[in-house]
Each structure stands twice: as C-alpha cells, then as structure tokens.
Amino acid sequence: MFSKGRLIGIGFGLFALISLVATYDYSRGRLPQTDSPLVADVLAATTARDCGRDATEIVTRYIPLGTEQAQAEQVLESVTIVPPKPWFWRPVIENSTAWDGASLEALRTIKATAFGNNLLRIHLSFAEKKVKRVAAEVVCRFD
C-alpha cells in the first residue's frame, strides 16, 4: 500500500505544517485581554516590532504631572493583562516595581508571545508626593 519512506515523508510534512501554523500564530502574539485602558491604548499605538518605542505621551494621559503619589500607584496597579493560555508554551508575566529615593520604575507585561514579551517600562519622579516627571517606553524581551 504505502512504503515506509512515503509514510515517514507524510508524517514529517504534517508535523511541519502544524509547526508552521502554530509558530505563525504565536509569533504574532495574541492581543491580551485587559481591563486597563492604558494597556489598550499602548497596544493600539504600537506593533510587536516597536521595541524601544516612546510611550510617554500615552502614559501622561493616565498619569498627568501633578498627580498625587497614591493615585499614580493605583493606576500602575491597574496595568495588568490576562495572559494567553496556549497549549505548547507557558507565558512569563513580568510585573515589578522598584523605588529609588523619590523615583519609581515599574515594568508591566503588556503582551506575551512564545518568543518573548513586550513590557511597558514607566519611570515616575515625585516631588512633594506629586508626580514631577513621567517617562515610558515599550521594551521587548526575547527569551
């Protein structure tokens, strides 16, 4: 009926086709589900290849200069996504906040793919418990 070589070839062909579809699907990355309008705006303004893109203007709309420190921290806590639930890789979600005197640097995962993450890095400087300076960028990490 079928020779061994032909069956092996068909098996490799099917494996290659499935791998190609899965790789293409997850290399694009799925838009994450989020309740955060900040994340939604950043994702709408960027693409997966926008590594190092300045997002200060977008973040400043949600954390304007003069915002109270507690309110700014509350906005940062709302920057979350619901990671995708793929069947062949486990998404890594990086969320961290580091204080350095009167400065705060927050990293938040805004998009997770099988090949790396897009993170939103937000740097806030405070004076008298109010936001004095805002800087933000989209950072890509490839694992």
N, C-alpha and C. Protein backbone atom coordinates (compact mmCIF):
# COMPACT_ATOMS: atom_id res chain seq x y z
N MET A 1 0.83 -1.17 0.00
CA MET A 1 0.00 0.00 0.00
C MET A 1 0.88 1.25 0.00
N PHE A 2 1.35 1.72 1.17
CA PHE A 2 2.28 2.84 1.25
C PHE A 2 3.63 2.30 1.72
N SER A 3 4.68 2.82 1.15
CA SER A 3 6.01 2.40 1.61
C SER A 3 6.37 3.17 2.88
N LYS A 4 7.35 2.65 3.61
CA LYS A 4 7.79 3.30 4.85
C LYS A 4 8.26 4.72 4.58
N GLY A 5 9.00 4.90 3.51
CA GLY A 5 9.52 6.22 3.17
C GLY A 5 8.41 7.22 2.93
N ARG A 6 7.37 6.80 2.24
CA ARG A 6 6.25 7.70 1.95
C ARG A 6 5.51 8.06 3.24
N LEU A 7 5.29 7.09 4.14
CA LEU A 7 4.63 7.37 5.42
C LEU A 7 5.45 8.31 6.29
N ILE A 8 6.76 8.10 6.31
CA ILE A 8 7.64 9.00 7.06
C ILE A 8 7.58 10.40 6.46
N GLY A 9 7.59 10.51 5.16
CA GLY A 9 7.50 11.81 4.50
C GLY A 9 6.19 12.52 4.80
N ILE A 10 5.08 11.78 4.78
CA ILE A 10 3.77 12.36 5.10
C ILE A 10 3.75 12.82 6.56
N GLY A 11 4.32 12.01 7.45
CA GLY A 11 4.39 12.39 8.87
C GLY A 11 5.20 13.66 9.09
N PHE A 12 6.37 13.75 8.45
CA PHE A 12 7.18 14.97 8.57
C PHE A 12 6.47 16.17 7.96
N GLY A 13 5.79 15.96 6.86
CA GLY A 13 5.05 17.06 6.22
C GLY A 13 3.95 17.59 7.11
N LEU A 14 3.18 16.70 7.75
CA LEU A 14 2.12 17.12 8.67
C LEU A 14 2.70 17.84 9.89
N PHE A 15 3.80 17.30 10.41
CA PHE A 15 4.46 17.95 11.54
C PHE A 15 4.93 19.35 11.17
N ALA A 16 5.52 19.49 10.00
CA ALA A 16 6.00 20.80 9.56
C ALA A 16 4.84 21.77 9.37
N LEU A 17 3.74 21.32 8.83
CA LEU A 17 2.58 22.18 8.61
C LEU A 17 1.99 22.64 9.94
N ILE A 18 1.84 21.74 10.88
CA ILE A 18 1.32 22.10 12.21
C ILE A 18 2.27 23.06 12.91
N SER A 19 3.57 22.80 12.83
CA SER A 19 4.56 23.68 13.46
C SER A 19 4.54 25.06 12.84
N LEU A 20 4.40 25.13 11.52
CA LEU A 20 4.36 26.42 10.83
C LEU A 20 3.15 27.23 11.27
N VAL A 21 2.00 26.61 11.33
CA VAL A 21 0.78 27.31 11.74
C VAL A 21 0.90 27.78 13.18
N ALA A 22 1.35 26.91 14.07
CA ALA A 22 1.47 27.28 15.48
C ALA A 22 2.50 28.39 15.67
N THR A 23 3.63 28.31 14.98
CA THR A 23 4.66 29.33 15.10
C THR A 23 4.17 30.67 14.58
N TYR A 24 3.50 30.68 13.45
CA TYR A 24 2.97 31.92 12.89
C TYR A 24 1.94 32.53 13.84
N ASP A 25 1.08 31.70 14.38
CA ASP A 25 0.04 32.17 15.27
C ASP A 25 0.63 32.84 16.51
N TYR A 26 1.60 32.21 17.15
CA TYR A 26 2.14 32.74 18.39
C TYR A 26 3.26 33.74 18.18
N SER A 27 3.84 33.82 16.99
CA SER A 27 4.85 34.86 16.76
C SER A 27 4.16 36.21 16.61
N ARG A 28 2.94 36.21 16.09
CA ARG A 28 2.18 37.46 16.00
C ARG A 28 1.80 37.92 17.39
N GLY A 29 1.64 36.99 18.28
CA GLY A 29 1.18 37.32 19.62
C GLY A 29 -0.31 37.58 19.60
N ARG A 30 -0.94 37.17 20.60
CA ARG A 30 -2.37 37.43 20.70
C ARG A 30 -2.54 38.70 21.52
N LEU A 31 -3.49 39.50 21.11
CA LEU A 31 -3.76 40.69 21.91
C LEU A 31 -4.31 40.21 23.24
N PRO A 32 -3.68 40.59 24.31
CA PRO A 32 -4.13 40.09 25.61
C PRO A 32 -5.44 40.73 26.01
N GLN A 33 -6.13 40.03 26.85
CA GLN A 33 -7.34 40.58 27.43
C GLN A 33 -6.92 41.47 28.60
N THR A 34 -7.46 42.65 28.63
CA THR A 34 -7.11 43.58 29.69
C THR A 34 -8.28 44.49 30.01
N ASP A 35 -8.36 44.88 31.26
CA ASP A 35 -9.34 45.86 31.68
C ASP A 35 -8.70 47.23 31.81
N SER A 36 -7.41 47.31 31.54
CA SER A 36 -6.67 48.55 31.69
C SER A 36 -6.72 49.36 30.40
N PRO A 37 -7.33 50.55 30.43
CA PRO A 37 -7.34 51.38 29.22
C PRO A 37 -5.94 51.84 28.82
N LEU A 38 -5.03 51.95 29.79
CA LEU A 38 -3.65 52.33 29.49
C LEU A 38 -2.99 51.28 28.61
N VAL A 39 -3.13 50.01 28.98
CA VAL A 39 -2.55 48.92 28.17
C VAL A 39 -3.20 48.89 26.79
N ALA A 40 -4.50 49.04 26.74
CA ALA A 40 -5.20 49.02 25.45
C ALA A 40 -4.71 50.14 24.54
N ASP A 41 -4.50 51.34 25.08
CA ASP A 41 -4.00 52.45 24.26
C ASP A 41 -2.58 52.23 23.79
N VAL A 42 -1.73 51.69 24.66
CA VAL A 42 -0.34 51.43 24.27
C VAL A 42 -0.30 50.37 23.17
N LEU A 43 -1.09 49.31 23.31
CA LEU A 43 -1.11 48.25 22.30
C LEU A 43 -1.70 48.75 20.98
N ALA A 44 -2.67 49.65 21.05
CA ALA A 44 -3.25 50.20 19.82
C ALA A 44 -2.25 51.08 19.08
N ALA A 45 -1.35 51.72 19.82
CA ALA A 45 -0.39 52.64 19.20
C ALA A 45 0.89 51.95 18.76
N THR A 46 1.13 50.72 19.20
CA THR A 46 2.38 50.04 18.86
C THR A 46 2.08 48.74 18.14
N THR A 47 3.12 48.19 17.55
CA THR A 47 3.05 46.85 16.97
C THR A 47 4.07 45.98 17.68
N ALA A 48 4.09 44.72 17.35
CA ALA A 48 5.00 43.79 18.02
C ALA A 48 6.46 44.15 17.76
N ARG A 49 6.75 44.86 16.71
CA ARG A 49 8.13 45.18 16.37
C ARG A 49 8.56 46.56 16.85
N ASP A 50 7.75 47.22 17.66
CA ASP A 50 8.07 48.55 18.16
C ASP A 50 8.86 48.48 19.46
N CYS A 51 10.00 47.87 19.44
CA CYS A 51 10.84 47.79 20.63
C CYS A 51 11.52 49.15 20.83
N GLY A 52 11.52 49.61 22.06
CA GLY A 52 12.14 50.89 22.36
C GLY A 52 11.28 52.09 21.99
N ARG A 53 10.01 51.87 21.69
CA ARG A 53 9.12 52.97 21.31
C ARG A 53 8.77 53.80 22.53
N ASP A 54 8.79 55.11 22.37
CA ASP A 54 8.45 56.03 23.45
C ASP A 54 6.94 56.02 23.65
N ALA A 55 6.51 55.79 24.87
CA ALA A 55 5.09 55.75 25.20
C ALA A 55 4.75 56.79 26.26
N THR A 56 5.61 57.80 26.40
CA THR A 56 5.42 58.81 27.43
C THR A 56 4.12 59.57 27.24
N GLU A 57 3.79 59.92 26.01
CA GLU A 57 2.57 60.68 25.74
C GLU A 57 1.33 59.92 26.19
N ILE A 58 1.30 58.62 25.92
CA ILE A 58 0.14 57.80 26.29
C ILE A 58 0.04 57.69 27.82
N VAL A 59 1.16 57.42 28.48
CA VAL A 59 1.15 57.26 29.93
C VAL A 59 0.80 58.58 30.61
N THR A 60 1.25 59.70 30.03
CA THR A 60 0.96 61.01 30.62
C THR A 60 -0.54 61.32 30.59
N ARG A 61 -1.29 60.74 29.66
CA ARG A 61 -2.73 60.92 29.65
C ARG A 61 -3.39 60.29 30.88
N TYR A 62 -2.80 59.21 31.39
CA TYR A 62 -3.37 58.50 32.54
C TYR A 62 -2.72 58.90 33.85
N ILE A 63 -1.46 59.34 33.81
CA ILE A 63 -0.76 59.81 35.00
C ILE A 63 -0.18 61.19 34.66
N PRO A 64 -1.02 62.22 34.67
CA PRO A 64 -0.52 63.55 34.32
C PRO A 64 0.40 64.11 35.41
N LEU A 65 1.21 65.09 35.04
CA LEU A 65 2.08 65.75 36.00
C LEU A 65 1.21 66.38 37.08
N GLY A 66 1.65 66.29 38.32
CA GLY A 66 0.89 66.83 39.43
C GLY A 66 -0.05 65.83 40.08
N THR A 67 -0.13 64.63 39.57
CA THR A 67 -0.98 63.59 40.16
C THR A 67 -0.42 63.19 41.52
N GLU A 68 -1.30 62.97 42.47
CA GLU A 68 -0.87 62.50 43.79
C GLU A 68 -0.17 61.15 43.67
N GLN A 69 0.79 60.91 44.54
CA GLN A 69 1.57 59.67 44.50
C GLN A 69 0.69 58.44 44.68
N ALA A 70 -0.24 58.46 45.59
CA ALA A 70 -1.12 57.31 45.82
C ALA A 70 -1.98 57.01 44.60
N GLN A 71 -2.47 58.06 43.94
CA GLN A 71 -3.29 57.86 42.75
C GLN A 71 -2.44 57.29 41.61
N ALA A 72 -1.20 57.75 41.46
CA ALA A 72 -0.30 57.23 40.42
C ALA A 72 0.00 55.75 40.66
N GLU A 73 0.23 55.37 41.92
CA GLU A 73 0.48 53.97 42.25
C GLU A 73 -0.76 53.12 41.96
N GLN A 74 -1.93 53.68 42.19
CA GLN A 74 -3.17 52.96 41.91
C GLN A 74 -3.32 52.70 40.40
N VAL A 75 -2.96 53.68 39.59
CA VAL A 75 -3.01 53.50 38.13
C VAL A 75 -2.03 52.41 37.72
N LEU A 76 -0.84 52.41 38.30
CA LEU A 76 0.16 51.38 37.96
C LEU A 76 -0.32 49.99 38.36
N GLU A 77 -1.02 49.87 39.46
CA GLU A 77 -1.54 48.56 39.88
C GLU A 77 -2.61 48.04 38.93
N SER A 78 -3.28 48.94 38.23
CA SER A 78 -4.34 48.52 37.30
C SER A 78 -3.79 48.08 35.94
N VAL A 79 -2.49 48.26 35.72
CA VAL A 79 -1.88 47.87 34.45
C VAL A 79 -1.60 46.37 34.50
N THR A 80 -2.58 45.59 34.06
CA THR A 80 -2.46 44.13 34.08
C THR A 80 -3.09 43.55 32.81
N ILE A 81 -2.67 42.35 32.49
CA ILE A 81 -3.27 41.61 31.38
C ILE A 81 -3.66 40.23 31.87
N VAL A 82 -4.54 39.62 31.13
CA VAL A 82 -4.85 38.21 31.34
C VAL A 82 -4.03 37.47 30.28
N PRO A 83 -3.00 36.73 30.69
CA PRO A 83 -2.13 36.11 29.69
C PRO A 83 -2.85 35.04 28.88
N PRO A 84 -2.39 34.83 27.64
CA PRO A 84 -3.00 33.77 26.83
C PRO A 84 -2.75 32.40 27.45
N LYS A 85 -3.59 31.46 27.11
CA LYS A 85 -3.45 30.09 27.63
C LYS A 85 -3.16 29.15 26.46
N PRO A 86 -1.93 29.23 25.94
CA PRO A 86 -1.57 28.36 24.82
C PRO A 86 -1.31 26.94 25.29
N TRP A 87 -1.25 26.05 24.35
CA TRP A 87 -1.09 24.65 24.71
C TRP A 87 0.36 24.18 24.68
N PHE A 88 1.28 24.96 24.10
CA PHE A 88 2.65 24.44 23.99
C PHE A 88 3.71 25.34 24.61
N TRP A 89 3.34 26.43 25.23
CA TRP A 89 4.31 27.28 25.93
C TRP A 89 3.62 27.94 27.11
N ARG A 90 4.40 28.33 28.07
CA ARG A 90 3.88 28.95 29.28
C ARG A 90 4.32 30.42 29.27
N PRO A 91 3.36 31.35 29.21
CA PRO A 91 3.74 32.76 29.19
C PRO A 91 4.39 33.20 30.49
N VAL A 92 5.39 34.06 30.36
CA VAL A 92 6.08 34.61 31.52
C VAL A 92 5.59 36.05 31.69
N ILE A 93 4.99 36.32 32.81
CA ILE A 93 4.46 37.65 33.10
C ILE A 93 5.42 38.33 34.08
N GLU A 94 5.97 39.45 33.65
CA GLU A 94 6.90 40.21 34.48
C GLU A 94 6.22 41.49 34.94
N ASN A 95 5.98 41.60 36.20
CA ASN A 95 5.45 42.82 36.79
C ASN A 95 6.31 43.14 38.00
N SER A 96 6.95 44.29 37.98
CA SER A 96 7.78 44.67 39.12
C SER A 96 7.73 46.17 39.30
N THR A 97 7.99 46.57 40.53
CA THR A 97 8.07 47.99 40.88
C THR A 97 9.28 48.17 41.76
N ALA A 98 10.13 49.14 41.41
CA ALA A 98 11.33 49.41 42.19
C ALA A 98 11.39 50.88 42.55
N TRP A 99 11.64 51.14 43.81
CA TRP A 99 11.77 52.52 44.29
C TRP A 99 13.25 52.85 44.43
N ASP A 100 13.60 54.09 44.08
CA ASP A 100 14.96 54.59 44.28
C ASP A 100 14.83 56.03 44.75
N GLY A 101 14.73 56.20 46.04
CA GLY A 101 14.52 57.54 46.59
C GLY A 101 13.14 58.05 46.23
N ALA A 102 13.09 59.15 45.49
CA ALA A 102 11.81 59.75 45.09
C ALA A 102 11.41 59.32 43.67
N SER A 103 12.03 58.26 43.16
CA SER A 103 11.73 57.76 41.81
C SER A 103 11.16 56.36 41.89
N LEU A 104 10.28 56.07 40.98
CA LEU A 104 9.66 54.76 40.90
C LEU A 104 9.83 54.27 39.46
N GLU A 105 10.26 53.03 39.31
CA GLU A 105 10.33 52.41 37.99
C GLU A 105 9.48 51.15 38.02
N ALA A 106 8.51 51.09 37.11
CA ALA A 106 7.61 49.95 37.05
C ALA A 106 7.74 49.26 35.70
N LEU A 107 7.81 47.95 35.72
CA LEU A 107 7.79 47.13 34.50
C LEU A 107 6.50 46.34 34.52
N ARG A 108 5.75 46.41 33.44
CA ARG A 108 4.49 45.68 33.34
C ARG A 108 4.43 44.98 31.99
N THR A 109 4.11 43.70 32.00
CA THR A 109 3.93 42.94 30.76
C THR A 109 2.65 43.41 30.11
N ILE A 110 2.75 43.79 28.83
CA ILE A 110 1.56 44.22 28.11
C ILE A 110 1.23 43.28 26.95
N LYS A 111 2.17 42.40 26.60
CA LYS A 111 1.92 41.43 25.54
C LYS A 111 2.88 40.25 25.72
N ALA A 112 2.36 39.03 25.65
CA ALA A 112 3.18 37.84 25.82
C ALA A 112 3.06 36.96 24.58
N THR A 113 4.21 36.56 24.04
CA THR A 113 4.23 35.63 22.91
C THR A 113 5.13 34.46 23.26
N ALA A 114 5.17 33.49 22.39
CA ALA A 114 6.03 32.33 22.63
C ALA A 114 7.50 32.68 22.52
N PHE A 115 7.82 33.80 21.87
CA PHE A 115 9.22 34.16 21.62
C PHE A 115 9.71 35.30 22.48
N GLY A 116 8.87 35.87 23.31
CA GLY A 116 9.28 36.96 24.17
C GLY A 116 8.10 37.81 24.58
N ASN A 117 8.38 38.81 25.39
CA ASN A 117 7.33 39.68 25.93
C ASN A 117 7.56 41.13 25.50
N ASN A 118 6.48 41.88 25.45
CA ASN A 118 6.56 43.33 25.36
C ASN A 118 6.22 43.86 26.74
N LEU A 119 7.09 44.71 27.24
CA LEU A 119 6.90 45.28 28.57
C LEU A 119 6.75 46.79 28.44
N LEU A 120 5.99 47.35 29.33
CA LEU A 120 5.87 48.80 29.42
C LEU A 120 6.71 49.21 30.62
N ARG A 121 7.76 50.00 30.37
CA ARG A 121 8.62 50.50 31.44
C ARG A 121 8.19 51.94 31.72
N ILE A 122 7.78 52.19 32.95
CA ILE A 122 7.32 53.51 33.35
C ILE A 122 8.23 54.02 34.46
N HIS A 123 8.74 55.22 34.28
CA HIS A 123 9.60 55.86 35.27
C HIS A 123 8.88 57.13 35.75
N LEU A 124 8.63 57.20 37.05
CA LEU A 124 7.97 58.37 37.63
C LEU A 124 8.89 58.98 38.67
N SER A 125 9.01 60.29 38.64
CA SER A 125 9.75 61.03 39.68
C SER A 125 8.74 61.85 40.46
N PHE A 126 8.92 61.87 41.78
CA PHE A 126 7.99 62.57 42.66
C PHE A 126 8.69 63.71 43.38
N ALA A 127 7.95 64.76 43.60
CA ALA A 127 8.39 65.87 44.44
C ALA A 127 7.17 66.30 45.25
N GLU A 128 7.34 66.35 46.57
CA GLU A 128 6.25 66.71 47.48
C GLU A 128 5.02 65.81 47.29
N LYS A 129 5.27 64.52 47.09
CA LYS A 129 4.22 63.49 46.92
C LYS A 129 3.34 63.69 45.70
N LYS A 130 3.88 64.39 44.68
CA LYS A 130 3.17 64.57 43.41
C LYS A 130 4.12 64.22 42.28
N VAL A 131 3.53 63.76 41.17
CA VAL A 131 4.34 63.37 40.01
C VAL A 131 4.99 64.62 39.41
N LYS A 132 6.30 64.55 39.31
CA LYS A 132 7.07 65.67 38.76
C LYS A 132 7.51 65.39 37.32
N ARG A 133 7.80 64.10 37.04
CA ARG A 133 8.29 63.75 35.71
C ARG A 133 7.81 62.35 35.36
N VAL A 134 7.48 62.15 34.07
CA VAL A 134 7.00 60.86 33.57
C VAL A 134 7.82 60.49 32.34
N ALA A 135 8.26 59.26 32.30
CA ALA A 135 8.92 58.71 31.10
C ALA A 135 8.45 57.27 30.95
N ALA A 136 8.19 56.86 29.71
CA ALA A 136 7.71 55.50 29.48
C ALA A 136 8.17 55.03 28.11
N GLU A 137 8.42 53.73 28.00
CA GLU A 137 8.79 53.13 26.72
C GLU A 137 8.35 51.68 26.70
N VAL A 138 8.19 51.17 25.49
CA VAL A 138 7.87 49.76 25.28
C VAL A 138 9.19 49.03 25.10
N VAL A 139 9.40 48.00 25.91
CA VAL A 139 10.63 47.22 25.88
C VAL A 139 10.30 45.81 25.46
N CYS A 140 11.14 45.21 24.61
CA CYS A 140 10.92 43.83 24.18
C CYS A 140 11.98 42.94 24.82
N ARG A 141 11.53 41.82 25.33
CA ARG A 141 12.43 40.80 25.87
C ARG A 141 12.22 39.52 25.09
N PHE A 142 13.31 39.01 24.55
CA PHE A 142 13.23 37.76 23.80
C PHE A 142 13.90 36.67 24.60
N ASP A 143 13.18 35.62 24.88
CA ASP A 143 13.69 34.51 25.68
C ASP A 143 14.22 33.41 24.82
